[in-house]
Amino acid sequence: MKHLIFATSNKEKLREFIEILKTEVVQVDLELQEPQAIEVEDVVREKAMQAYRILKKPVLVEDTGLFVHSWGGFPGALVKLLIKSAGLGGFLDMMRSAVDRGATAKTTIAFYDGHTVHIFSGSVDGTIAKEIKGRSGFGWDPIFIPAGYEKSFAELAGSIKNEISMRSIALNKLKKYMNENNGD
């Protein structure tokens, strides 16, 4: 797989991309309009086309959402905005009375080659913790406990998170596509 151009300002996402793909990933920090939508596919599709218009080169973008079952899927791709506004503690306060703490974490990657937006998604079911747990990871990792585990993403070793995460699932689909298409 030849090197990939990834439009992101998030160094942690870049680190995970490189660790999971095991290939060169060139980060480009662009000022992109963040579409406000619940579905991550809608967000990445628009961001990929914006990034391509700026770079005039094939480009990857990524977005991750947290879909709380008892909230009908909210906040989805708006989770970053919610966490920025309320903080992790505020998010947990809003969940205090929830009987169903189930959630689905979903990462969607878009690769736009100038002709077609290729979409690769991965999701992991889990639960929202009752308290902030762990210090590693980023974003909402300290409050999401993947199914089959008792620890949050922020408590798990990075190598374990990279094996089971929604980002890993999506990136492995991207990797398969790139290998089958000779990286084109």
N, C-alpha and C. Protein backbone atom coordinates (compact mmCIF):
# COMPACT_ATOMS: atom_id res chain seq x y z
N MET A 1 0.85 -1.16 0.00
CA MET A 1 0.00 0.00 0.00
C MET A 1 0.90 1.23 0.00
N LYS A 2 0.69 2.12 -0.97
CA LYS A 2 1.48 3.35 -1.00
C LYS A 2 1.01 4.28 0.11
N HIS A 3 1.77 5.35 0.34
CA HIS A 3 1.39 6.24 1.44
C HIS A 3 0.02 6.87 1.19
N LEU A 4 -0.64 7.13 2.29
CA LEU A 4 -1.98 7.68 2.24
C LEU A 4 -1.98 9.10 2.80
N ILE A 5 -2.84 9.95 2.27
CA ILE A 5 -2.99 11.30 2.80
C ILE A 5 -4.24 11.30 3.66
N PHE A 6 -4.07 11.69 4.92
CA PHE A 6 -5.14 11.68 5.89
C PHE A 6 -5.37 13.11 6.37
N ALA A 7 -6.54 13.65 6.08
CA ALA A 7 -6.89 15.00 6.51
C ALA A 7 -7.45 14.93 7.93
N THR A 8 -6.63 15.32 8.89
CA THR A 8 -7.04 15.34 10.29
C THR A 8 -6.15 16.29 11.08
N SER A 9 -6.70 16.83 12.13
CA SER A 9 -5.89 17.61 13.07
C SER A 9 -5.66 16.80 14.34
N ASN A 10 -6.23 15.60 14.41
CA ASN A 10 -6.17 14.78 15.61
C ASN A 10 -4.96 13.85 15.56
N LYS A 11 -3.95 14.18 16.35
CA LYS A 11 -2.70 13.39 16.37
C LYS A 11 -2.93 11.98 16.89
N GLU A 12 -3.90 11.80 17.79
CA GLU A 12 -4.19 10.46 18.32
C GLU A 12 -4.80 9.56 17.24
N LYS A 13 -5.69 10.11 16.44
CA LYS A 13 -6.25 9.34 15.33
C LYS A 13 -5.14 8.98 14.34
N LEU A 14 -4.27 9.93 14.05
CA LEU A 14 -3.15 9.67 13.15
C LEU A 14 -2.28 8.54 13.68
N ARG A 15 -1.98 8.58 14.98
CA ARG A 15 -1.15 7.53 15.60
C ARG A 15 -1.83 6.17 15.42
N GLU A 16 -3.12 6.09 15.69
CA GLU A 16 -3.83 4.82 15.54
C GLU A 16 -3.86 4.36 14.09
N PHE A 17 -4.05 5.29 13.15
CA PHE A 17 -4.02 4.93 11.72
C PHE A 17 -2.69 4.25 11.39
N ILE A 18 -1.58 4.87 11.79
CA ILE A 18 -0.25 4.34 11.48
C ILE A 18 -0.03 2.99 12.15
N GLU A 19 -0.40 2.88 13.43
CA GLU A 19 -0.21 1.62 14.16
C GLU A 19 -1.03 0.49 13.56
N ILE A 20 -2.25 0.77 13.15
CA ILE A 20 -3.12 -0.28 12.64
C ILE A 20 -2.80 -0.62 11.19
N LEU A 21 -2.59 0.39 10.35
CA LEU A 21 -2.32 0.13 8.93
C LEU A 21 -0.89 -0.34 8.68
N LYS A 22 0.01 0.02 9.57
CA LYS A 22 1.44 -0.34 9.42
C LYS A 22 1.99 0.14 8.07
N THR A 23 1.66 1.39 7.75
CA THR A 23 2.15 2.00 6.52
C THR A 23 2.31 3.49 6.74
N GLU A 24 2.96 4.15 5.82
CA GLU A 24 3.13 5.59 5.93
C GLU A 24 1.79 6.29 5.72
N VAL A 25 1.48 7.18 6.62
CA VAL A 25 0.28 8.00 6.52
C VAL A 25 0.73 9.44 6.66
N VAL A 26 0.42 10.24 5.66
CA VAL A 26 0.80 11.66 5.67
C VAL A 26 -0.39 12.46 6.19
N GLN A 27 -0.17 13.17 7.29
CA GLN A 27 -1.22 13.99 7.87
C GLN A 27 -1.24 15.36 7.21
N VAL A 28 -2.45 15.82 6.89
CA VAL A 28 -2.65 17.16 6.38
C VAL A 28 -3.74 17.78 7.26
N ASP A 29 -3.40 18.87 7.90
CA ASP A 29 -4.34 19.56 8.78
C ASP A 29 -5.05 20.64 7.97
N LEU A 30 -6.30 20.40 7.64
CA LEU A 30 -7.08 21.32 6.82
C LEU A 30 -8.22 21.93 7.63
N GLU A 31 -8.58 23.13 7.28
CA GLU A 31 -9.77 23.75 7.86
C GLU A 31 -10.97 23.30 7.04
N LEU A 32 -11.67 22.29 7.52
CA LEU A 32 -12.84 21.77 6.82
C LEU A 32 -14.09 22.14 7.60
N GLN A 33 -15.16 22.42 6.87
CA GLN A 33 -16.46 22.65 7.51
C GLN A 33 -16.94 21.31 8.03
N GLU A 34 -17.24 21.25 9.31
CA GLU A 34 -17.72 20.00 9.92
C GLU A 34 -19.24 19.95 9.75
N PRO A 35 -19.73 19.09 8.86
CA PRO A 35 -21.18 18.97 8.73
C PRO A 35 -21.79 18.53 10.05
N GLN A 36 -22.90 19.10 10.42
CA GLN A 36 -23.58 18.74 11.67
C GLN A 36 -24.65 17.70 11.34
N ALA A 37 -24.34 16.45 11.63
CA ALA A 37 -25.24 15.35 11.32
C ALA A 37 -25.05 14.26 12.36
N ILE A 38 -26.05 13.45 12.54
CA ILE A 38 -25.97 12.31 13.46
C ILE A 38 -25.16 11.17 12.84
N GLU A 39 -25.38 10.92 11.54
CA GLU A 39 -24.73 9.80 10.86
C GLU A 39 -23.31 10.14 10.42
N VAL A 40 -22.35 9.31 10.80
CA VAL A 40 -20.96 9.58 10.46
C VAL A 40 -20.71 9.50 8.95
N GLU A 41 -21.48 8.69 8.24
CA GLU A 41 -21.31 8.59 6.80
C GLU A 41 -21.57 9.94 6.12
N ASP A 42 -22.57 10.65 6.59
CA ASP A 42 -22.89 11.97 6.03
C ASP A 42 -21.73 12.94 6.26
N VAL A 43 -21.14 12.87 7.43
CA VAL A 43 -20.04 13.77 7.79
C VAL A 43 -18.82 13.49 6.93
N VAL A 44 -18.40 12.22 6.85
CA VAL A 44 -17.17 11.91 6.12
C VAL A 44 -17.30 12.11 4.62
N ARG A 45 -18.46 11.84 4.09
CA ARG A 45 -18.66 12.02 2.64
C ARG A 45 -18.39 13.49 2.28
N GLU A 46 -19.00 14.40 3.01
CA GLU A 46 -18.84 15.82 2.75
C GLU A 46 -17.40 16.28 3.01
N LYS A 47 -16.82 15.84 4.12
CA LYS A 47 -15.45 16.24 4.44
C LYS A 47 -14.44 15.73 3.42
N ALA A 48 -14.65 14.52 2.90
CA ALA A 48 -13.73 13.96 1.90
C ALA A 48 -13.76 14.78 0.63
N MET A 49 -14.94 15.18 0.20
CA MET A 49 -15.04 15.99 -1.03
C MET A 49 -14.43 17.37 -0.81
N GLN A 50 -14.63 17.95 0.37
CA GLN A 50 -14.00 19.25 0.69
C GLN A 50 -12.48 19.13 0.65
N ALA A 51 -11.95 18.10 1.29
CA ALA A 51 -10.50 17.90 1.36
C ALA A 51 -9.92 17.71 -0.04
N TYR A 52 -10.60 16.94 -0.88
CA TYR A 52 -10.12 16.71 -2.24
C TYR A 52 -10.09 18.02 -3.03
N ARG A 53 -11.13 18.84 -2.87
CA ARG A 53 -11.17 20.13 -3.59
C ARG A 53 -9.98 21.01 -3.20
N ILE A 54 -9.55 20.92 -1.96
CA ILE A 54 -8.41 21.72 -1.50
C ILE A 54 -7.09 21.12 -1.98
N LEU A 55 -6.92 19.81 -1.80
CA LEU A 55 -5.64 19.14 -2.09
C LEU A 55 -5.47 18.74 -3.55
N LYS A 56 -6.59 18.46 -4.20
CA LYS A 56 -6.58 17.95 -5.57
C LYS A 56 -5.79 16.63 -5.66
N LYS A 57 -5.91 15.83 -4.59
CA LYS A 57 -5.27 14.51 -4.50
C LYS A 57 -6.22 13.58 -3.75
N PRO A 58 -6.10 12.27 -4.00
CA PRO A 58 -6.88 11.32 -3.21
C PRO A 58 -6.60 11.51 -1.73
N VAL A 59 -7.64 11.43 -0.92
CA VAL A 59 -7.52 11.76 0.49
C VAL A 59 -8.45 10.91 1.35
N LEU A 60 -8.03 10.70 2.57
CA LEU A 60 -8.83 10.00 3.58
C LEU A 60 -9.32 11.00 4.61
N VAL A 61 -10.54 10.81 5.08
CA VAL A 61 -11.04 11.50 6.25
C VAL A 61 -11.73 10.46 7.12
N GLU A 62 -11.90 10.79 8.39
CA GLU A 62 -12.49 9.84 9.32
C GLU A 62 -13.35 10.60 10.31
N ASP A 63 -14.41 9.96 10.74
CA ASP A 63 -15.22 10.50 11.82
C ASP A 63 -15.77 9.34 12.63
N THR A 64 -15.94 9.60 13.91
CA THR A 64 -16.41 8.57 14.83
C THR A 64 -17.60 9.09 15.60
N GLY A 65 -18.58 8.24 15.78
CA GLY A 65 -19.76 8.61 16.53
C GLY A 65 -20.03 7.64 17.65
N LEU A 66 -20.76 8.12 18.63
CA LEU A 66 -21.18 7.30 19.76
C LEU A 66 -22.71 7.34 19.82
N PHE A 67 -23.33 6.21 19.54
CA PHE A 67 -24.77 6.10 19.39
C PHE A 67 -25.37 5.46 20.64
N VAL A 68 -25.96 6.27 21.50
CA VAL A 68 -26.53 5.79 22.76
C VAL A 68 -27.92 5.23 22.47
N HIS A 69 -28.12 3.97 22.80
CA HIS A 69 -29.36 3.28 22.46
C HIS A 69 -30.58 3.93 23.09
N SER A 70 -30.51 4.28 24.37
CA SER A 70 -31.68 4.85 25.06
C SER A 70 -32.00 6.27 24.59
N TRP A 71 -31.09 6.88 23.86
CA TRP A 71 -31.29 8.23 23.32
C TRP A 71 -31.63 8.17 21.83
N GLY A 72 -32.02 7.02 21.34
CA GLY A 72 -32.38 6.89 19.93
C GLY A 72 -31.21 7.12 18.99
N GLY A 73 -29.98 6.84 19.46
CA GLY A 73 -28.79 7.00 18.62
C GLY A 73 -28.06 8.32 18.81
N PHE A 74 -28.66 9.26 19.51
CA PHE A 74 -27.98 10.53 19.80
C PHE A 74 -26.86 10.25 20.79
N PRO A 75 -25.73 10.88 20.75
CA PRO A 75 -25.38 12.02 19.89
C PRO A 75 -24.78 11.63 18.55
N GLY A 76 -24.48 10.34 18.32
CA GLY A 76 -23.91 9.93 17.04
C GLY A 76 -22.66 10.73 16.73
N ALA A 77 -22.60 11.25 15.50
CA ALA A 77 -21.41 12.02 15.07
C ALA A 77 -21.30 13.36 15.78
N LEU A 78 -22.33 13.75 16.52
CA LEU A 78 -22.29 15.01 17.27
C LEU A 78 -21.63 14.84 18.64
N VAL A 79 -21.08 13.65 18.93
CA VAL A 79 -20.50 13.38 20.24
C VAL A 79 -19.35 14.35 20.56
N LYS A 80 -18.53 14.68 19.58
CA LYS A 80 -17.42 15.59 19.83
C LYS A 80 -17.94 16.95 20.32
N LEU A 81 -18.98 17.44 19.68
CA LEU A 81 -19.59 18.71 20.08
C LEU A 81 -20.20 18.61 21.48
N LEU A 82 -20.87 17.50 21.78
CA LEU A 82 -21.47 17.32 23.10
C LEU A 82 -20.39 17.26 24.18
N ILE A 83 -19.33 16.50 23.94
CA ILE A 83 -18.25 16.39 24.93
C ILE A 83 -17.55 17.75 25.10
N LYS A 84 -17.36 18.46 24.00
CA LYS A 84 -16.73 19.78 24.08
C LYS A 84 -17.59 20.74 24.92
N SER A 85 -18.90 20.65 24.78
CA SER A 85 -19.81 21.54 25.50
C SER A 85 -20.03 21.12 26.95
N ALA A 86 -20.28 19.83 27.18
CA ALA A 86 -20.66 19.36 28.51
C ALA A 86 -19.53 18.66 29.26
N GLY A 87 -18.50 18.22 28.53
CA GLY A 87 -17.43 17.44 29.16
C GLY A 87 -17.89 16.01 29.39
N LEU A 88 -16.93 15.15 29.71
CA LEU A 88 -17.27 13.75 29.96
C LEU A 88 -18.18 13.63 31.19
N GLY A 89 -17.90 14.43 32.21
CA GLY A 89 -18.72 14.40 33.42
C GLY A 89 -20.15 14.81 33.13
N GLY A 90 -20.33 15.84 32.32
CA GLY A 90 -21.67 16.29 31.94
C GLY A 90 -22.40 15.23 31.14
N PHE A 91 -21.68 14.56 30.25
CA PHE A 91 -22.27 13.46 29.47
C PHE A 91 -22.79 12.39 30.43
N LEU A 92 -21.95 12.02 31.41
CA LEU A 92 -22.36 10.99 32.36
C LEU A 92 -23.52 11.46 33.23
N ASP A 93 -23.55 12.74 33.58
CA ASP A 93 -24.69 13.29 34.33
C ASP A 93 -25.98 13.12 33.54
N MET A 94 -25.93 13.36 32.24
CA MET A 94 -27.11 13.21 31.40
C MET A 94 -27.57 11.74 31.32
N MET A 95 -26.64 10.83 31.51
CA MET A 95 -26.95 9.40 31.46
C MET A 95 -27.37 8.84 32.82
N ARG A 96 -27.32 9.66 33.86
CA ARG A 96 -27.51 9.17 35.24
C ARG A 96 -28.76 8.32 35.40
N SER A 97 -29.88 8.73 34.84
CA SER A 97 -31.13 7.99 35.05
C SER A 97 -31.38 6.91 33.99
N ALA A 98 -30.48 6.75 33.07
CA ALA A 98 -30.67 5.77 31.99
C ALA A 98 -30.59 4.34 32.53
N VAL A 99 -31.60 3.55 32.25
CA VAL A 99 -31.59 2.14 32.62
C VAL A 99 -30.75 1.37 31.60
N ASP A 100 -30.96 1.69 30.33
CA ASP A 100 -30.20 1.07 29.24
C ASP A 100 -28.99 1.95 28.96
N ARG A 101 -27.80 1.47 29.29
CA ARG A 101 -26.57 2.23 29.07
C ARG A 101 -25.84 1.74 27.81
N GLY A 102 -26.53 0.94 27.02
CA GLY A 102 -25.95 0.40 25.79
C GLY A 102 -25.64 1.49 24.78
N ALA A 103 -24.56 1.29 24.05
CA ALA A 103 -24.15 2.25 23.02
C ALA A 103 -23.37 1.50 21.94
N THR A 104 -23.35 2.10 20.78
CA THR A 104 -22.55 1.58 19.68
C THR A 104 -21.57 2.66 19.27
N ALA A 105 -20.31 2.30 19.23
CA ALA A 105 -19.26 3.21 18.75
C ALA A 105 -19.02 2.87 17.28
N LYS A 106 -19.02 3.89 16.44
CA LYS A 106 -18.88 3.65 15.00
C LYS A 106 -17.87 4.62 14.40
N THR A 107 -16.94 4.07 13.66
CA THR A 107 -15.98 4.86 12.90
C THR A 107 -16.25 4.64 11.42
N THR A 108 -16.25 5.73 10.69
CA THR A 108 -16.40 5.64 9.24
C THR A 108 -15.28 6.43 8.59
N ILE A 109 -14.62 5.79 7.63
CA ILE A 109 -13.53 6.40 6.87
C ILE A 109 -14.01 6.57 5.44
N ALA A 110 -13.73 7.73 4.89
CA ALA A 110 -14.02 7.96 3.48
C ALA A 110 -12.71 8.17 2.74
N PHE A 111 -12.57 7.48 1.62
CA PHE A 111 -11.44 7.67 0.71
C PHE A 111 -12.04 8.22 -0.57
N TYR A 112 -11.63 9.42 -0.92
CA TYR A 112 -12.14 10.03 -2.15
C TYR A 112 -11.01 10.19 -3.13
N ASP A 113 -11.18 9.58 -4.30
CA ASP A 113 -10.15 9.59 -5.34
C ASP A 113 -10.42 10.62 -6.42
N GLY A 114 -11.43 11.46 -6.21
CA GLY A 114 -11.80 12.46 -7.20
C GLY A 114 -12.96 12.02 -8.07
N HIS A 115 -13.29 10.73 -8.00
CA HIS A 115 -14.40 10.18 -8.79
C HIS A 115 -15.47 9.57 -7.90
N THR A 116 -15.01 8.77 -6.94
CA THR A 116 -15.92 8.02 -6.09
C THR A 116 -15.52 8.17 -4.63
N VAL A 117 -16.50 8.35 -3.77
CA VAL A 117 -16.25 8.33 -2.33
C VAL A 117 -16.45 6.88 -1.87
N HIS A 118 -15.37 6.28 -1.41
CA HIS A 118 -15.40 4.90 -0.90
C HIS A 118 -15.55 4.98 0.62
N ILE A 119 -16.51 4.26 1.16
CA ILE A 119 -16.84 4.32 2.58
C ILE A 119 -16.49 3.00 3.25
N PHE A 120 -15.82 3.08 4.40
CA PHE A 120 -15.42 1.91 5.18
C PHE A 120 -15.82 2.17 6.64
N SER A 121 -16.67 1.31 7.18
CA SER A 121 -17.16 1.52 8.54
C SER A 121 -16.87 0.33 9.43
N GLY A 122 -16.73 0.62 10.70
CA GLY A 122 -16.59 -0.41 11.72
C GLY A 122 -17.36 0.03 12.95
N SER A 123 -17.96 -0.92 13.63
CA SER A 123 -18.69 -0.57 14.85
C SER A 123 -18.43 -1.60 15.94
N VAL A 124 -18.55 -1.12 17.17
CA VAL A 124 -18.36 -1.95 18.36
C VAL A 124 -19.48 -1.61 19.32
N ASP A 125 -20.18 -2.64 19.79
CA ASP A 125 -21.20 -2.43 20.81
C ASP A 125 -20.53 -2.39 22.18
N GLY A 126 -21.19 -1.73 23.10
CA GLY A 126 -20.66 -1.64 24.45
C GLY A 126 -21.63 -0.91 25.34
N THR A 127 -21.11 -0.39 26.44
CA THR A 127 -21.92 0.35 27.39
C THR A 127 -21.22 1.64 27.79
N ILE A 128 -22.02 2.57 28.28
CA ILE A 128 -21.48 3.81 28.82
C ILE A 128 -21.19 3.57 30.30
N ALA A 129 -19.96 3.83 30.71
CA ALA A 129 -19.56 3.65 32.11
C ALA A 129 -20.35 4.59 33.01
N LYS A 130 -20.36 4.30 34.29
CA LYS A 130 -21.03 5.18 35.26
C LYS A 130 -20.08 6.25 35.78
N GLU A 131 -18.80 6.07 35.49
CA GLU A 131 -17.80 7.06 35.90
C GLU A 131 -16.67 7.07 34.88
N ILE A 132 -15.90 8.14 34.88
CA ILE A 132 -14.75 8.25 33.98
C ILE A 132 -13.71 7.23 34.44
N LYS A 133 -13.26 6.39 33.50
CA LYS A 133 -12.36 5.29 33.85
C LYS A 133 -11.16 5.27 32.90
N GLY A 134 -9.97 5.46 33.44
CA GLY A 134 -8.76 5.36 32.65
C GLY A 134 -8.23 6.71 32.21
N ARG A 135 -6.95 6.71 31.86
CA ARG A 135 -6.28 7.95 31.48
C ARG A 135 -5.70 7.94 30.08
N SER A 136 -5.67 6.79 29.45
CA SER A 136 -5.12 6.75 28.09
C SER A 136 -6.26 6.96 27.10
N GLY A 137 -5.93 6.86 25.83
CA GLY A 137 -6.94 7.08 24.81
C GLY A 137 -7.24 8.56 24.64
N PHE A 138 -8.36 8.86 24.03
CA PHE A 138 -8.74 10.25 23.78
C PHE A 138 -10.24 10.33 23.57
N GLY A 139 -10.74 11.54 23.48
CA GLY A 139 -12.17 11.72 23.27
C GLY A 139 -12.97 11.09 24.38
N TRP A 140 -13.90 10.25 24.01
CA TRP A 140 -14.78 9.60 24.98
C TRP A 140 -14.31 8.20 25.36
N ASP A 141 -13.07 7.85 25.07
CA ASP A 141 -12.53 6.54 25.47
C ASP A 141 -12.73 6.22 26.96
N PRO A 142 -12.62 7.22 27.87
CA PRO A 142 -12.77 6.91 29.30
C PRO A 142 -14.19 6.55 29.74
N ILE A 143 -15.19 6.70 28.86
CA ILE A 143 -16.57 6.38 29.29
C ILE A 143 -17.20 5.26 28.46
N PHE A 144 -16.47 4.70 27.50
CA PHE A 144 -17.03 3.62 26.67
C PHE A 144 -16.35 2.30 27.01
N ILE A 145 -17.18 1.32 27.40
CA ILE A 145 -16.69 -0.02 27.73
C ILE A 145 -17.14 -0.97 26.62
N PRO A 146 -16.21 -1.49 25.81
CA PRO A 146 -16.61 -2.38 24.72
C PRO A 146 -17.17 -3.69 25.26
N ALA A 147 -18.14 -4.25 24.53
CA ALA A 147 -18.77 -5.52 24.91
C ALA A 147 -17.70 -6.59 25.09
N GLY A 148 -17.86 -7.37 26.14
CA GLY A 148 -16.91 -8.45 26.43
C GLY A 148 -15.75 -8.01 27.31
N TYR A 149 -15.71 -6.73 27.67
CA TYR A 149 -14.64 -6.20 28.51
C TYR A 149 -15.23 -5.51 29.73
N GLU A 150 -14.44 -5.41 30.76
CA GLU A 150 -14.87 -4.70 31.96
C GLU A 150 -14.18 -3.35 32.07
N LYS A 151 -13.27 -3.09 31.16
CA LYS A 151 -12.51 -1.85 31.18
C LYS A 151 -12.92 -0.96 30.02
N SER A 152 -12.78 0.35 30.24
CA SER A 152 -13.05 1.31 29.16
C SER A 152 -11.92 1.27 28.15
N PHE A 153 -12.16 1.84 26.98
CA PHE A 153 -11.09 1.94 25.99
C PHE A 153 -9.87 2.63 26.59
N ALA A 154 -10.08 3.61 27.48
CA ALA A 154 -8.98 4.36 28.08
C ALA A 154 -8.19 3.54 29.10
N GLU A 155 -8.76 2.44 29.56
CA GLU A 155 -8.06 1.57 30.51
C GLU A 155 -7.33 0.42 29.81
N LEU A 156 -7.72 0.12 28.60
CA LEU A 156 -7.11 -0.98 27.86
C LEU A 156 -5.75 -0.56 27.30
N ALA A 157 -4.86 -1.53 27.18
CA ALA A 157 -3.58 -1.27 26.51
C ALA A 157 -3.88 -0.84 25.07
N GLY A 158 -3.08 0.07 24.55
CA GLY A 158 -3.28 0.55 23.18
C GLY A 158 -3.32 -0.58 22.16
N SER A 159 -2.50 -1.60 22.38
CA SER A 159 -2.47 -2.72 21.43
C SER A 159 -3.79 -3.48 21.43
N ILE A 160 -4.42 -3.60 22.60
CA ILE A 160 -5.72 -4.29 22.67
C ILE A 160 -6.79 -3.43 22.01
N LYS A 161 -6.80 -2.14 22.34
CA LYS A 161 -7.78 -1.25 21.72
C LYS A 161 -7.64 -1.31 20.20
N ASN A 162 -6.40 -1.29 19.70
CA ASN A 162 -6.18 -1.31 18.26
C ASN A 162 -6.61 -2.62 17.61
N GLU A 163 -6.71 -3.69 18.37
CA GLU A 163 -7.19 -4.96 17.83
C GLU A 163 -8.71 -5.01 17.74
N ILE A 164 -9.41 -4.37 18.69
CA ILE A 164 -10.86 -4.56 18.80
C ILE A 164 -11.69 -3.34 18.45
N SER A 165 -11.06 -2.20 18.24
CA SER A 165 -11.83 -0.96 18.09
C SER A 165 -12.57 -0.85 16.76
N MET A 166 -13.54 0.02 16.76
CA MET A 166 -14.30 0.31 15.55
C MET A 166 -13.39 0.92 14.49
N ARG A 167 -12.38 1.68 14.91
CA ARG A 167 -11.43 2.27 13.96
C ARG A 167 -10.61 1.17 13.29
N SER A 168 -10.21 0.17 14.07
CA SER A 168 -9.45 -0.95 13.54
C SER A 168 -10.27 -1.72 12.49
N ILE A 169 -11.53 -1.95 12.79
CA ILE A 169 -12.40 -2.67 11.84
C ILE A 169 -12.51 -1.88 10.54
N ALA A 170 -12.75 -0.58 10.64
CA ALA A 170 -12.87 0.26 9.44
C ALA A 170 -11.55 0.32 8.68
N LEU A 171 -10.44 0.47 9.40
CA LEU A 171 -9.13 0.56 8.74
C LEU A 171 -8.76 -0.75 8.06
N ASN A 172 -9.12 -1.87 8.64
CA ASN A 172 -8.83 -3.15 7.99
C ASN A 172 -9.64 -3.33 6.71
N LYS A 173 -10.85 -2.79 6.67
CA LYS A 173 -11.63 -2.80 5.43
C LYS A 173 -10.97 -1.91 4.38
N LEU A 174 -10.50 -0.74 4.81
CA LEU A 174 -9.78 0.15 3.90
C LEU A 174 -8.52 -0.54 3.36
N LYS A 175 -7.77 -1.15 4.25
CA LYS A 175 -6.53 -1.83 3.86
C LYS A 175 -6.80 -2.92 2.82
N LYS A 176 -7.85 -3.70 3.04
CA LYS A 176 -8.22 -4.76 2.09
C LYS A 176 -8.56 -4.14 0.74
N TYR A 177 -9.35 -3.08 0.74
CA TYR A 177 -9.71 -2.40 -0.50
C TYR A 177 -8.46 -1.90 -1.23
N MET A 178 -7.57 -1.24 -0.49
CA MET A 178 -6.36 -0.68 -1.12
C MET A 178 -5.47 -1.80 -1.69
N ASN A 179 -5.33 -2.90 -0.96
CA ASN A 179 -4.53 -4.02 -1.44
C ASN A 179 -5.14 -4.64 -2.69
N GLU A 180 -6.46 -4.76 -2.72
CA GLU A 180 -7.12 -5.35 -3.89
C GLU A 180 -7.10 -4.42 -5.09
N ASN A 181 -6.95 -3.15 -4.85
CA ASN A 181 -6.93 -2.16 -5.93
C ASN A 181 -5.56 -1.54 -6.13
N ASN A 182 -4.52 -2.25 -5.68
CA ASN A 182 -3.13 -1.82 -5.83
C ASN A 182 -2.88 -0.43 -5.31
N GLY A 183 -3.61 -0.06 -4.24
CA GLY A 183 -3.40 1.24 -3.62
C GLY A 183 -3.93 2.40 -4.42
N ASP A 184 -4.62 2.12 -5.53
CA ASP A 184 -5.16 3.20 -6.37
C ASP A 184 -6.54 3.61 -5.90
